[in-house]
Every structure is written in structure tokens, then in C-alpha cells.
Amino acid sequence: MNETVSFTQMKDGTREDYELLERLEKPFLAMTADRVLDEMRRAGEVTLEGYKVSRLEHGLQAGTRALRDGADIDWVVGALLHDIGDGLAPQNHDRMSAEVVRPFVRWDVAWVIEHHGIFQMLYYAHHYNWDPNARDQFRDHPCFDSCATFCERWDQSAFDPDYDMLPLEHFEPMVREVFGRKAYDPDVIREGYVSPLTS
């Protein structure tokens, strides 16, 4: 028989209930990297409507470009997963993607992923009579240049079906390392530090 809590409303839970939940949650938390990798594999089954690549291929190209530019593990995994929220939240995929990685990467990487959508508008917004310079509202943010570079070098250029991208298996150890970190570890997050995108 499965172990369960005594309550039907959270406010009625006991210390023992919440200790049980904490214990039972540990294996689930330990499998976060598996779920992330599974989501990326599912993304390989979906061609971006109208594009020449799948969602997985787009992420692989961005991750490969970051790796080949000499980026560190946080930037590489960030580039790989920057659109992981697209399947469930296409209208705010950038923010959802950022929340997936935020507990495990530097704050600047999460900020860039969170804001890359508005920065990408530089390349296409004029075709819809939108403001291509909407990103300028963040001009004074310390991560502005990082996001602009991320989009130029790794994101907007990652739609080429002939690009020699690395397979997901190449990135798997990096994904496992990042998601194996203690969540919100201040030594990882490094709030306020803006890291270089390349070595």
C-alpha cells in the first residue's frame, strides 16, 4: 500500500505528513534531468510550423553554436533549452523556459532566456508592423548585451537544416550536471554577476 498523508486540505497537515512528502519527493526531484531530456526528445517529433527544422533541432543548433563558441556549461545548456517551454506556452515560452532552468543556472543565463523573445523581435517585428526595438526598454540592464549576443549568434541563426549540429546525447551529461545541482545555490546563481558568453 502506498504511503499517503493524513490530510485532505494542506492546512490540516502535520509535521509527519510534510516530512513524508519531502522524503517521497526526493526521487522525483532527482529525475528532473530525465524529464527535461524527454521533453527535448518530444520536441524532435514536432516540426516548427513553417520552419525547416524541428524544435529539437533548433535547440541542438543553438547549443552546438554556443559550445563551438567556447561558452561554459550554463550558457550551453541555456542555449539548448532556451525554447523548452514552447510546446506548452507558445505565447510566453521565453518566461516558461527561464523558469525551468532558473534554479540551476547563473541568474544572467536565466535572465537572457526569459527575455530572448522580445530581443528576437529585432529580426522580424517590422514585417508585422510591430516595434523591432522593443528590447530597448532593457537598454540599461546589465544583461542587455548578453541577450543581444545570445540572439544574434545562437538563436536567430539556428534554423538551418544543413547545419552540422551535435546530437542530444552529446549534451546529456551537461544537462544532468546542471540539473543535478542544488536548486538556488547562491554559489551557482551568482546574482548580479554578468558572465562572458564565450571564453
N, C-alpha and C. Protein backbone atom coordinates (compact mmCIF):
# COMPACT_ATOMS: atom_id res chain seq x y z
N MET A 1 0.84 -1.19 0.00
CA MET A 1 0.00 0.00 0.00
C MET A 1 0.88 1.25 0.00
N ASN A 2 0.49 2.22 -0.80
CA ASN A 2 1.25 3.46 -0.89
C ASN A 2 1.11 4.28 0.39
N GLU A 3 2.21 4.92 0.75
CA GLU A 3 2.16 5.85 1.88
C GLU A 3 1.47 7.13 1.43
N THR A 4 0.58 7.64 2.27
CA THR A 4 -0.11 8.89 1.95
C THR A 4 -0.20 9.76 3.19
N VAL A 5 -0.47 11.01 2.95
CA VAL A 5 -0.64 11.96 4.05
C VAL A 5 -2.00 11.74 4.71
N SER A 6 -2.17 12.34 5.86
CA SER A 6 -3.43 12.21 6.60
C SER A 6 -4.46 13.25 6.20
N PHE A 7 -4.05 14.29 5.48
CA PHE A 7 -4.94 15.43 5.26
C PHE A 7 -5.60 15.41 3.89
N THR A 8 -6.69 16.16 3.80
CA THR A 8 -7.33 16.44 2.52
C THR A 8 -7.27 17.93 2.20
N GLN A 9 -6.81 18.72 3.15
CA GLN A 9 -6.52 20.14 2.95
C GLN A 9 -5.12 20.41 3.51
N MET A 10 -4.31 21.11 2.77
CA MET A 10 -2.93 21.32 3.18
C MET A 10 -2.82 21.93 4.57
N LYS A 11 -3.75 22.81 4.90
CA LYS A 11 -3.67 23.49 6.19
C LYS A 11 -3.84 22.53 7.36
N ASP A 12 -4.34 21.33 7.11
CA ASP A 12 -4.53 20.35 8.18
C ASP A 12 -3.36 19.38 8.30
N GLY A 13 -2.32 19.55 7.49
CA GLY A 13 -1.19 18.63 7.51
C GLY A 13 -0.36 18.75 8.77
N THR A 14 0.24 17.62 9.15
CA THR A 14 1.10 17.57 10.32
C THR A 14 2.56 17.60 9.88
N ARG A 15 3.44 17.77 10.86
CA ARG A 15 4.87 17.72 10.55
C ARG A 15 5.22 16.36 9.91
N GLU A 16 4.64 15.30 10.43
CA GLU A 16 4.90 13.96 9.88
C GLU A 16 4.45 13.87 8.43
N ASP A 17 3.30 14.48 8.13
CA ASP A 17 2.82 14.49 6.74
C ASP A 17 3.85 15.15 5.82
N TYR A 18 4.33 16.29 6.24
CA TYR A 18 5.23 17.04 5.37
C TYR A 18 6.62 16.42 5.32
N GLU A 19 7.04 15.76 6.36
CA GLU A 19 8.29 15.00 6.30
C GLU A 19 8.15 13.82 5.35
N LEU A 20 6.98 13.18 5.35
CA LEU A 20 6.72 12.10 4.40
C LEU A 20 6.79 12.62 2.97
N LEU A 21 6.14 13.74 2.72
CA LEU A 21 6.15 14.30 1.36
C LEU A 21 7.56 14.68 0.92
N GLU A 22 8.33 15.24 1.83
CA GLU A 22 9.70 15.60 1.49
C GLU A 22 10.50 14.36 1.11
N ARG A 23 10.33 13.29 1.86
CA ARG A 23 11.05 12.04 1.58
C ARG A 23 10.60 11.44 0.25
N LEU A 24 9.30 11.43 0.00
CA LEU A 24 8.79 10.84 -1.22
C LEU A 24 9.10 11.68 -2.46
N GLU A 25 9.32 12.97 -2.27
CA GLU A 25 9.59 13.87 -3.39
C GLU A 25 11.03 13.74 -3.91
N LYS A 26 11.94 13.28 -3.06
CA LYS A 26 13.36 13.26 -3.44
C LYS A 26 13.63 12.48 -4.73
N PRO A 27 13.08 11.28 -4.91
CA PRO A 27 13.33 10.57 -6.18
C PRO A 27 12.77 11.32 -7.39
N PHE A 28 11.63 11.98 -7.22
CA PHE A 28 11.04 12.75 -8.31
C PHE A 28 11.95 13.92 -8.69
N LEU A 29 12.45 14.64 -7.69
CA LEU A 29 13.36 15.75 -7.97
C LEU A 29 14.63 15.27 -8.65
N ALA A 30 15.10 14.10 -8.25
CA ALA A 30 16.34 13.56 -8.83
C ALA A 30 16.17 13.21 -10.31
N MET A 31 14.95 13.11 -10.77
CA MET A 31 14.70 12.73 -12.16
C MET A 31 14.37 13.94 -13.04
N THR A 32 14.64 15.15 -12.56
CA THR A 32 14.33 16.35 -13.35
C THR A 32 15.06 16.33 -14.68
N ALA A 33 16.33 15.98 -14.69
CA ALA A 33 17.07 15.95 -15.95
C ALA A 33 16.44 14.98 -16.93
N ASP A 34 15.96 13.83 -16.44
CA ASP A 34 15.30 12.86 -17.32
C ASP A 34 14.07 13.47 -17.98
N ARG A 35 13.28 14.20 -17.20
CA ARG A 35 12.07 14.81 -17.75
C ARG A 35 12.42 15.91 -18.77
N VAL A 36 13.47 16.66 -18.48
CA VAL A 36 13.91 17.70 -19.42
C VAL A 36 14.36 17.06 -20.73
N LEU A 37 15.15 16.01 -20.64
CA LEU A 37 15.63 15.33 -21.85
C LEU A 37 14.48 14.69 -22.61
N ASP A 38 13.51 14.13 -21.91
CA ASP A 38 12.33 13.57 -22.56
C ASP A 38 11.55 14.65 -23.31
N GLU A 39 11.44 15.82 -22.70
CA GLU A 39 10.74 16.93 -23.36
C GLU A 39 11.48 17.35 -24.63
N MET A 40 12.80 17.36 -24.58
CA MET A 40 13.58 17.69 -25.78
C MET A 40 13.36 16.63 -26.86
N ARG A 41 13.32 15.36 -26.48
CA ARG A 41 13.07 14.30 -27.47
C ARG A 41 11.69 14.48 -28.10
N ARG A 42 10.69 14.82 -27.29
CA ARG A 42 9.36 15.08 -27.84
C ARG A 42 9.39 16.25 -28.82
N ALA A 43 10.23 17.22 -28.52
CA ALA A 43 10.35 18.38 -29.41
C ALA A 43 10.89 17.98 -30.77
N GLY A 44 11.59 16.86 -30.83
CA GLY A 44 12.09 16.35 -32.11
C GLY A 44 11.00 15.79 -32.99
N GLU A 45 9.85 15.53 -32.40
CA GLU A 45 8.73 14.99 -33.15
C GLU A 45 7.86 16.09 -33.75
N VAL A 46 8.18 17.35 -33.44
CA VAL A 46 7.34 18.47 -33.87
C VAL A 46 8.16 19.43 -34.72
N THR A 47 7.85 19.48 -36.00
CA THR A 47 8.49 20.48 -36.84
C THR A 47 7.86 21.82 -36.51
N LEU A 48 8.68 22.81 -36.32
CA LEU A 48 8.16 24.16 -36.09
C LEU A 48 7.33 24.54 -37.32
N GLU A 49 6.08 24.84 -37.11
CA GLU A 49 5.17 25.12 -38.22
C GLU A 49 5.76 26.17 -39.14
N GLY A 50 5.97 25.78 -40.40
CA GLY A 50 6.50 26.71 -41.39
C GLY A 50 8.02 26.77 -41.45
N TYR A 51 8.70 26.27 -40.43
CA TYR A 51 10.16 26.30 -40.42
C TYR A 51 10.73 25.04 -41.07
N LYS A 52 12.04 25.00 -41.25
CA LYS A 52 12.70 23.87 -41.88
C LYS A 52 13.30 22.90 -40.87
N VAL A 53 13.14 23.19 -39.58
CA VAL A 53 13.74 22.36 -38.53
C VAL A 53 12.69 22.06 -37.46
N SER A 54 12.95 21.02 -36.68
CA SER A 54 12.09 20.71 -35.54
C SER A 54 12.49 21.57 -34.34
N ARG A 55 11.67 21.54 -33.32
CA ARG A 55 12.00 22.26 -32.10
C ARG A 55 13.31 21.73 -31.50
N LEU A 56 13.47 20.42 -31.54
CA LEU A 56 14.71 19.82 -31.03
C LEU A 56 15.91 20.30 -31.84
N GLU A 57 15.80 20.27 -33.16
CA GLU A 57 16.93 20.69 -33.99
C GLU A 57 17.30 22.15 -33.74
N HIS A 58 16.30 22.98 -33.54
CA HIS A 58 16.59 24.39 -33.22
C HIS A 58 17.40 24.49 -31.93
N GLY A 59 16.99 23.77 -30.90
CA GLY A 59 17.73 23.78 -29.64
C GLY A 59 19.12 23.19 -29.79
N LEU A 60 19.23 22.10 -30.54
CA LEU A 60 20.54 21.48 -30.76
C LEU A 60 21.48 22.42 -31.50
N GLN A 61 20.93 23.14 -32.48
CA GLN A 61 21.78 24.09 -33.22
C GLN A 61 22.24 25.22 -32.31
N ALA A 62 21.35 25.74 -31.49
CA ALA A 62 21.73 26.82 -30.59
C ALA A 62 22.78 26.33 -29.59
N GLY A 63 22.55 25.15 -29.01
CA GLY A 63 23.51 24.58 -28.06
C GLY A 63 24.85 24.29 -28.71
N THR A 64 24.81 23.76 -29.92
CA THR A 64 26.06 23.45 -30.63
C THR A 64 26.83 24.73 -30.93
N ARG A 65 26.13 25.76 -31.36
CA ARG A 65 26.80 27.03 -31.66
C ARG A 65 27.44 27.61 -30.39
N ALA A 66 26.72 27.52 -29.27
CA ALA A 66 27.28 28.02 -28.01
C ALA A 66 28.53 27.23 -27.63
N LEU A 67 28.45 25.92 -27.74
CA LEU A 67 29.58 25.05 -27.40
C LEU A 67 30.79 25.37 -28.29
N ARG A 68 30.56 25.50 -29.56
CA ARG A 68 31.65 25.78 -30.51
C ARG A 68 32.23 27.18 -30.33
N ASP A 69 31.45 28.07 -29.72
CA ASP A 69 31.96 29.41 -29.41
C ASP A 69 32.77 29.43 -28.12
N GLY A 70 32.85 28.28 -27.44
CA GLY A 70 33.61 28.22 -26.19
C GLY A 70 32.83 28.63 -24.96
N ALA A 71 31.50 28.63 -25.07
CA ALA A 71 30.66 29.01 -23.92
C ALA A 71 30.78 27.96 -22.81
N ASP A 72 30.53 28.39 -21.58
CA ASP A 72 30.59 27.45 -20.46
C ASP A 72 29.30 26.64 -20.37
N ILE A 73 29.25 25.72 -19.43
CA ILE A 73 28.14 24.78 -19.34
C ILE A 73 26.79 25.48 -19.11
N ASP A 74 26.75 26.54 -18.33
CA ASP A 74 25.48 27.22 -18.10
C ASP A 74 24.94 27.82 -19.40
N TRP A 75 25.81 28.45 -20.17
CA TRP A 75 25.37 29.04 -21.44
C TRP A 75 25.00 27.97 -22.45
N VAL A 76 25.76 26.88 -22.50
CA VAL A 76 25.46 25.82 -23.47
C VAL A 76 24.11 25.19 -23.16
N VAL A 77 23.89 24.83 -21.90
CA VAL A 77 22.60 24.23 -21.52
C VAL A 77 21.49 25.26 -21.69
N GLY A 78 21.76 26.51 -21.36
CA GLY A 78 20.77 27.56 -21.58
C GLY A 78 20.38 27.69 -23.04
N ALA A 79 21.38 27.66 -23.93
CA ALA A 79 21.09 27.75 -25.37
C ALA A 79 20.30 26.53 -25.83
N LEU A 80 20.70 25.37 -25.38
CA LEU A 80 20.00 24.14 -25.75
C LEU A 80 18.53 24.19 -25.35
N LEU A 81 18.25 24.69 -24.15
CA LEU A 81 16.90 24.63 -23.57
C LEU A 81 16.13 25.94 -23.64
N HIS A 82 16.63 26.92 -24.38
CA HIS A 82 16.02 28.26 -24.32
C HIS A 82 14.57 28.28 -24.80
N ASP A 83 14.16 27.29 -25.58
CA ASP A 83 12.77 27.23 -26.06
C ASP A 83 12.01 26.03 -25.51
N ILE A 84 12.47 25.42 -24.43
CA ILE A 84 11.83 24.21 -23.94
C ILE A 84 10.38 24.44 -23.53
N GLY A 85 10.01 25.66 -23.22
CA GLY A 85 8.63 25.97 -22.85
C GLY A 85 7.69 26.15 -24.02
N ASP A 86 8.21 26.10 -25.24
CA ASP A 86 7.43 26.43 -26.42
C ASP A 86 6.25 25.50 -26.64
N GLY A 87 6.39 24.22 -26.31
CA GLY A 87 5.32 23.27 -26.55
C GLY A 87 4.07 23.55 -25.74
N LEU A 88 4.23 23.99 -24.50
CA LEU A 88 3.10 24.24 -23.62
C LEU A 88 2.70 25.70 -23.55
N ALA A 89 3.64 26.60 -23.80
CA ALA A 89 3.36 28.03 -23.62
C ALA A 89 3.92 28.84 -24.78
N PRO A 90 3.39 28.67 -25.98
CA PRO A 90 3.97 29.35 -27.13
C PRO A 90 3.91 30.87 -27.05
N GLN A 91 2.93 31.43 -26.32
CA GLN A 91 2.84 32.88 -26.22
C GLN A 91 3.80 33.48 -25.19
N ASN A 92 4.29 32.67 -24.27
CA ASN A 92 5.27 33.16 -23.30
C ASN A 92 6.32 32.09 -23.02
N HIS A 93 6.73 31.44 -24.08
CA HIS A 93 7.69 30.34 -23.95
C HIS A 93 9.00 30.78 -23.34
N ASP A 94 9.39 32.02 -23.59
CA ASP A 94 10.66 32.50 -23.07
C ASP A 94 10.65 32.52 -21.54
N ARG A 95 9.55 33.01 -20.96
CA ARG A 95 9.45 33.04 -19.49
C ARG A 95 9.33 31.63 -18.90
N MET A 96 8.56 30.78 -19.57
CA MET A 96 8.42 29.42 -19.06
C MET A 96 9.76 28.68 -19.14
N SER A 97 10.46 28.84 -20.23
CA SER A 97 11.77 28.20 -20.39
C SER A 97 12.73 28.66 -19.30
N ALA A 98 12.70 29.96 -19.01
CA ALA A 98 13.57 30.50 -17.97
C ALA A 98 13.27 29.88 -16.62
N GLU A 99 12.00 29.66 -16.33
CA GLU A 99 11.64 29.07 -15.03
C GLU A 99 12.10 27.63 -14.91
N VAL A 100 12.20 26.92 -16.02
CA VAL A 100 12.70 25.53 -15.98
C VAL A 100 14.15 25.52 -15.53
N VAL A 101 14.96 26.45 -16.05
CA VAL A 101 16.39 26.42 -15.76
C VAL A 101 16.81 27.30 -14.58
N ARG A 102 15.96 28.26 -14.20
CA ARG A 102 16.35 29.27 -13.21
C ARG A 102 16.95 28.72 -11.92
N PRO A 103 16.44 27.63 -11.34
CA PRO A 103 17.02 27.16 -10.07
C PRO A 103 18.44 26.61 -10.20
N PHE A 104 18.91 26.38 -11.44
CA PHE A 104 20.12 25.59 -11.63
C PHE A 104 21.24 26.30 -12.39
N VAL A 105 20.97 27.50 -12.91
CA VAL A 105 21.99 28.21 -13.69
C VAL A 105 22.20 29.61 -13.13
N ARG A 106 23.25 30.26 -13.60
CA ARG A 106 23.51 31.63 -13.18
C ARG A 106 22.31 32.53 -13.52
N TRP A 107 22.14 33.56 -12.73
CA TRP A 107 20.99 34.45 -12.91
C TRP A 107 21.00 35.12 -14.28
N ASP A 108 22.19 35.44 -14.82
CA ASP A 108 22.22 36.14 -16.11
C ASP A 108 21.76 35.23 -17.25
N VAL A 109 22.06 33.94 -17.14
CA VAL A 109 21.60 32.98 -18.15
C VAL A 109 20.07 32.91 -18.12
N ALA A 110 19.51 32.80 -16.92
CA ALA A 110 18.05 32.75 -16.79
C ALA A 110 17.42 34.04 -17.30
N TRP A 111 18.05 35.19 -17.01
CA TRP A 111 17.50 36.48 -17.48
C TRP A 111 17.48 36.52 -19.00
N VAL A 112 18.55 36.09 -19.62
CA VAL A 112 18.62 36.11 -21.08
C VAL A 112 17.55 35.20 -21.67
N ILE A 113 17.39 34.01 -21.13
CA ILE A 113 16.36 33.11 -21.66
C ILE A 113 14.97 33.74 -21.47
N GLU A 114 14.75 34.34 -20.33
CA GLU A 114 13.45 34.96 -20.04
C GLU A 114 13.11 36.09 -21.01
N HIS A 115 14.12 36.79 -21.51
CA HIS A 115 13.89 37.97 -22.33
C HIS A 115 14.24 37.78 -23.80
N HIS A 116 14.68 36.60 -24.19
CA HIS A 116 15.14 36.46 -25.58
C HIS A 116 14.01 36.69 -26.59
N GLY A 117 12.77 36.43 -26.20
CA GLY A 117 11.66 36.62 -27.13
C GLY A 117 11.54 38.05 -27.62
N ILE A 118 11.61 38.99 -26.72
CA ILE A 118 11.49 40.40 -27.12
C ILE A 118 12.74 40.86 -27.86
N PHE A 119 13.89 40.29 -27.54
CA PHE A 119 15.12 40.65 -28.26
C PHE A 119 15.09 40.09 -29.68
N GLN A 120 14.47 38.93 -29.87
CA GLN A 120 14.39 38.33 -31.20
C GLN A 120 13.53 39.18 -32.14
N MET A 121 12.67 40.01 -31.59
CA MET A 121 11.80 40.83 -32.44
C MET A 121 12.60 41.76 -33.35
N LEU A 122 13.83 42.03 -33.00
CA LEU A 122 14.70 42.86 -33.84
C LEU A 122 14.74 42.34 -35.27
N TYR A 123 14.63 41.01 -35.43
CA TYR A 123 14.81 40.39 -36.74
C TYR A 123 13.54 40.29 -37.57
N TYR A 124 12.38 40.42 -36.96
CA TYR A 124 11.16 40.16 -37.74
C TYR A 124 9.99 41.10 -37.45
N ALA A 125 10.03 41.85 -36.35
CA ALA A 125 8.84 42.61 -35.93
C ALA A 125 8.36 43.59 -37.00
N HIS A 126 9.28 44.15 -37.77
CA HIS A 126 8.90 45.13 -38.79
C HIS A 126 7.97 44.53 -39.85
N HIS A 127 8.03 43.20 -40.03
CA HIS A 127 7.15 42.55 -41.01
C HIS A 127 5.70 42.52 -40.54
N TYR A 128 5.49 42.69 -39.24
CA TYR A 128 4.15 42.71 -38.68
C TYR A 128 3.72 44.12 -38.23
N ASN A 129 4.54 45.10 -38.56
CA ASN A 129 4.31 46.48 -38.10
C ASN A 129 4.36 46.58 -36.58
N TRP A 130 5.21 45.76 -35.96
CA TRP A 130 5.48 45.84 -34.53
C TRP A 130 6.79 46.60 -34.36
N ASP A 131 7.13 46.88 -33.14
CA ASP A 131 8.35 47.63 -32.84
C ASP A 131 9.54 46.68 -32.76
N PRO A 132 10.44 46.70 -33.73
CA PRO A 132 11.60 45.82 -33.67
C PRO A 132 12.59 46.19 -32.56
N ASN A 133 12.45 47.41 -32.04
CA ASN A 133 13.34 47.87 -30.99
C ASN A 133 12.70 47.83 -29.61
N ALA A 134 11.70 46.97 -29.45
CA ALA A 134 11.03 46.85 -28.15
C ALA A 134 12.01 46.47 -27.05
N ARG A 135 13.09 45.81 -27.42
CA ARG A 135 14.10 45.42 -26.44
C ARG A 135 14.78 46.61 -25.78
N ASP A 136 14.68 47.78 -26.40
CA ASP A 136 15.37 48.96 -25.87
C ASP A 136 14.88 49.35 -24.48
N GLN A 137 13.72 48.88 -24.06
CA GLN A 137 13.27 49.14 -22.69
C GLN A 137 14.23 48.55 -21.67
N PHE A 138 15.07 47.61 -22.10
CA PHE A 138 16.05 46.98 -21.22
C PHE A 138 17.47 47.48 -21.48
N ARG A 139 17.59 48.55 -22.22
CA ARG A 139 18.91 49.05 -22.65
C ARG A 139 19.86 49.25 -21.48
N ASP A 140 19.36 49.64 -20.32
CA ASP A 140 20.23 49.90 -19.16
C ASP A 140 20.42 48.68 -18.27
N HIS A 141 19.84 47.55 -18.64
CA HIS A 141 20.01 46.34 -17.83
C HIS A 141 21.40 45.77 -18.07
N PRO A 142 22.05 45.25 -17.03
CA PRO A 142 23.41 44.71 -17.22
C PRO A 142 23.48 43.51 -18.16
N CYS A 143 22.35 42.85 -18.43
CA CYS A 143 22.37 41.68 -19.32
C CYS A 143 21.93 42.00 -20.74
N PHE A 144 21.74 43.27 -21.04
CA PHE A 144 21.27 43.65 -22.38
C PHE A 144 22.20 43.12 -23.47
N ASP A 145 23.49 43.39 -23.35
CA ASP A 145 24.42 42.96 -24.39
C ASP A 145 24.50 41.45 -24.48
N SER A 146 24.42 40.76 -23.34
CA SER A 146 24.44 39.30 -23.36
C SER A 146 23.26 38.75 -24.13
N CYS A 147 22.09 39.32 -23.92
CA CYS A 147 20.89 38.83 -24.60
C CYS A 147 20.96 39.14 -26.09
N ALA A 148 21.44 40.31 -26.44
CA ALA A 148 21.58 40.67 -27.85
C ALA A 148 22.55 39.72 -28.55
N THR A 149 23.66 39.41 -27.90
CA THR A 149 24.64 38.49 -28.47
C THR A 149 24.09 37.08 -28.56
N PHE A 150 23.43 36.61 -27.50
CA PHE A 150 22.80 35.28 -27.48
C PHE A 150 21.87 35.13 -28.69
N CYS A 151 21.03 36.13 -28.91
CA CYS A 151 20.07 36.05 -30.01
C CYS A 151 20.77 36.09 -31.37
N GLU A 152 21.74 36.95 -31.51
CA GLU A 152 22.43 37.09 -32.80
C GLU A 152 23.24 35.85 -33.15
N ARG A 153 24.01 35.35 -32.21
CA ARG A 153 24.96 34.27 -32.51
C ARG A 153 24.34 32.87 -32.41
N TRP A 154 23.42 32.67 -31.47
CA TRP A 154 22.99 31.31 -31.18
C TRP A 154 21.52 31.03 -31.47
N ASP A 155 20.66 32.03 -31.46
CA ASP A 155 19.23 31.76 -31.59
C ASP A 155 18.73 32.05 -33.00
N GLN A 156 18.82 33.28 -33.47
CA GLN A 156 18.23 33.61 -34.77
C GLN A 156 18.90 32.87 -35.92
N SER A 157 20.09 32.36 -35.71
CA SER A 157 20.84 31.66 -36.76
C SER A 157 20.64 30.14 -36.71
N ALA A 158 19.77 29.65 -35.82
CA ALA A 158 19.67 28.21 -35.57
C ALA A 158 18.43 27.58 -36.21
N PHE A 159 18.23 27.88 -37.49
CA PHE A 159 17.08 27.33 -38.21
C PHE A 159 17.51 26.69 -39.53
N ASP A 160 18.74 26.22 -39.58
CA ASP A 160 19.35 25.72 -40.81
C ASP A 160 19.34 24.19 -40.83
N PRO A 161 18.56 23.56 -41.70
CA PRO A 161 18.50 22.09 -41.70
C PRO A 161 19.81 21.44 -42.10
N ASP A 162 20.72 22.20 -42.69
CA ASP A 162 22.01 21.64 -43.12
C ASP A 162 23.14 21.90 -42.13
N TYR A 163 22.82 22.56 -41.01
CA TYR A 163 23.87 22.85 -40.02
C TYR A 163 24.32 21.55 -39.35
N ASP A 164 25.62 21.43 -39.14
CA ASP A 164 26.22 20.23 -38.54
C ASP A 164 26.07 20.28 -37.02
N MET A 165 24.86 20.01 -36.54
CA MET A 165 24.58 20.09 -35.10
C MET A 165 24.96 18.80 -34.41
N LEU A 166 25.32 18.92 -33.13
CA LEU A 166 25.61 17.76 -32.32
C LEU A 166 24.30 17.12 -31.86
N PRO A 167 24.30 15.81 -31.63
CA PRO A 167 23.07 15.13 -31.19
C PRO A 167 22.78 15.42 -29.72
N LEU A 168 21.55 15.17 -29.31
CA LEU A 168 21.15 15.40 -27.93
C LEU A 168 22.02 14.60 -26.97
N GLU A 169 22.44 13.42 -27.36
CA GLU A 169 23.27 12.58 -26.49
C GLU A 169 24.57 13.27 -26.10
N HIS A 170 25.07 14.13 -26.97
CA HIS A 170 26.30 14.86 -26.65
C HIS A 170 26.08 15.81 -25.47
N PHE A 171 24.88 16.38 -25.40
CA PHE A 171 24.58 17.36 -24.36
C PHE A 171 24.05 16.72 -23.07
N GLU A 172 23.68 15.46 -23.13
CA GLU A 172 23.04 14.82 -21.98
C GLU A 172 23.86 14.92 -20.70
N PRO A 173 25.17 14.65 -20.72
CA PRO A 173 25.94 14.78 -19.48
C PRO A 173 25.91 16.20 -18.91
N MET A 174 25.90 17.19 -19.77
CA MET A 174 25.84 18.58 -19.30
C MET A 174 24.49 18.88 -18.67
N VAL A 175 23.41 18.41 -19.30
CA VAL A 175 22.07 18.62 -18.75
C VAL A 175 21.98 17.94 -17.38
N ARG A 176 22.50 16.74 -17.27
CA ARG A 176 22.46 16.02 -15.99
C ARG A 176 23.28 16.73 -14.92
N GLU A 177 24.42 17.28 -15.31
CA GLU A 177 25.24 18.01 -14.34
C GLU A 177 24.51 19.25 -13.84
N VAL A 178 23.94 20.01 -14.75
CA VAL A 178 23.26 21.25 -14.37
C VAL A 178 22.05 20.95 -13.48
N PHE A 179 21.22 20.00 -13.88
CA PHE A 179 20.02 19.71 -13.11
C PHE A 179 20.30 18.84 -11.88
N GLY A 180 21.51 18.41 -11.74
CA GLY A 180 21.93 17.71 -10.53
C GLY A 180 22.42 18.65 -9.45
N ARG A 181 22.51 19.93 -9.76
CA ARG A 181 22.95 20.92 -8.78
C ARG A 181 21.87 21.15 -7.72
N LYS A 182 22.31 21.64 -6.58
CA LYS A 182 21.35 22.06 -5.55
C LYS A 182 20.58 23.27 -6.08
N ALA A 183 19.27 23.22 -6.00
CA ALA A 183 18.45 24.31 -6.52
C ALA A 183 18.72 25.61 -5.76
N TYR A 184 18.84 26.69 -6.51
CA TYR A 184 19.03 28.04 -5.98
C TYR A 184 20.28 28.19 -5.11
N ASP A 185 21.30 27.42 -5.42
CA ASP A 185 22.56 27.54 -4.70
C ASP A 185 23.17 28.91 -5.02
N PRO A 186 23.39 29.76 -4.01
CA PRO A 186 23.94 31.10 -4.29
C PRO A 186 25.28 31.06 -5.01
N ASP A 187 26.05 29.99 -4.78
CA ASP A 187 27.34 29.87 -5.46
C ASP A 187 27.18 29.59 -6.95
N VAL A 188 26.02 29.07 -7.35
CA VAL A 188 25.72 28.85 -8.77
C VAL A 188 25.03 30.08 -9.34
N ILE A 189 24.02 30.58 -8.65
CA ILE A 189 23.20 31.68 -9.17
C ILE A 189 24.03 32.94 -9.40
N ARG A 190 24.88 33.28 -8.44
CA ARG A 190 25.79 34.44 -8.54
C ARG A 190 25.05 35.70 -8.96
N GLU A 191 24.02 36.02 -8.22
CA GLU A 191 23.18 37.18 -8.50
C GLU A 191 24.03 38.44 -8.73
N GLY A 192 23.79 39.10 -9.84
CA GLY A 192 24.49 40.33 -10.16
C GLY A 192 25.73 40.16 -11.02
N TYR A 193 26.27 38.95 -11.09
CA TYR A 193 27.45 38.69 -11.91
C TYR A 193 27.01 38.48 -13.35
N VAL A 194 27.62 39.20 -14.27
CA VAL A 194 27.34 39.02 -15.70
C VAL A 194 28.53 38.30 -16.31
N SER A 195 28.29 37.10 -16.75
CA SER A 195 29.36 36.24 -17.23
C SER A 195 29.58 36.43 -18.73
N PRO A 196 30.78 36.18 -19.22
CA PRO A 196 31.01 36.25 -20.66
C PRO A 196 30.32 35.08 -21.36
N LEU A 197 29.82 35.32 -22.57
CA LEU A 197 29.17 34.24 -23.31
C LEU A 197 30.20 33.28 -23.91
N THR A 198 31.38 33.76 -24.18
CA THR A 198 32.42 32.91 -24.77
C THR A 198 33.71 33.08 -23.99
N SER A 199 34.57 32.11 -24.15
CA SER A 199 35.85 32.16 -23.41
C SER A 199 36.85 33.06 -24.13
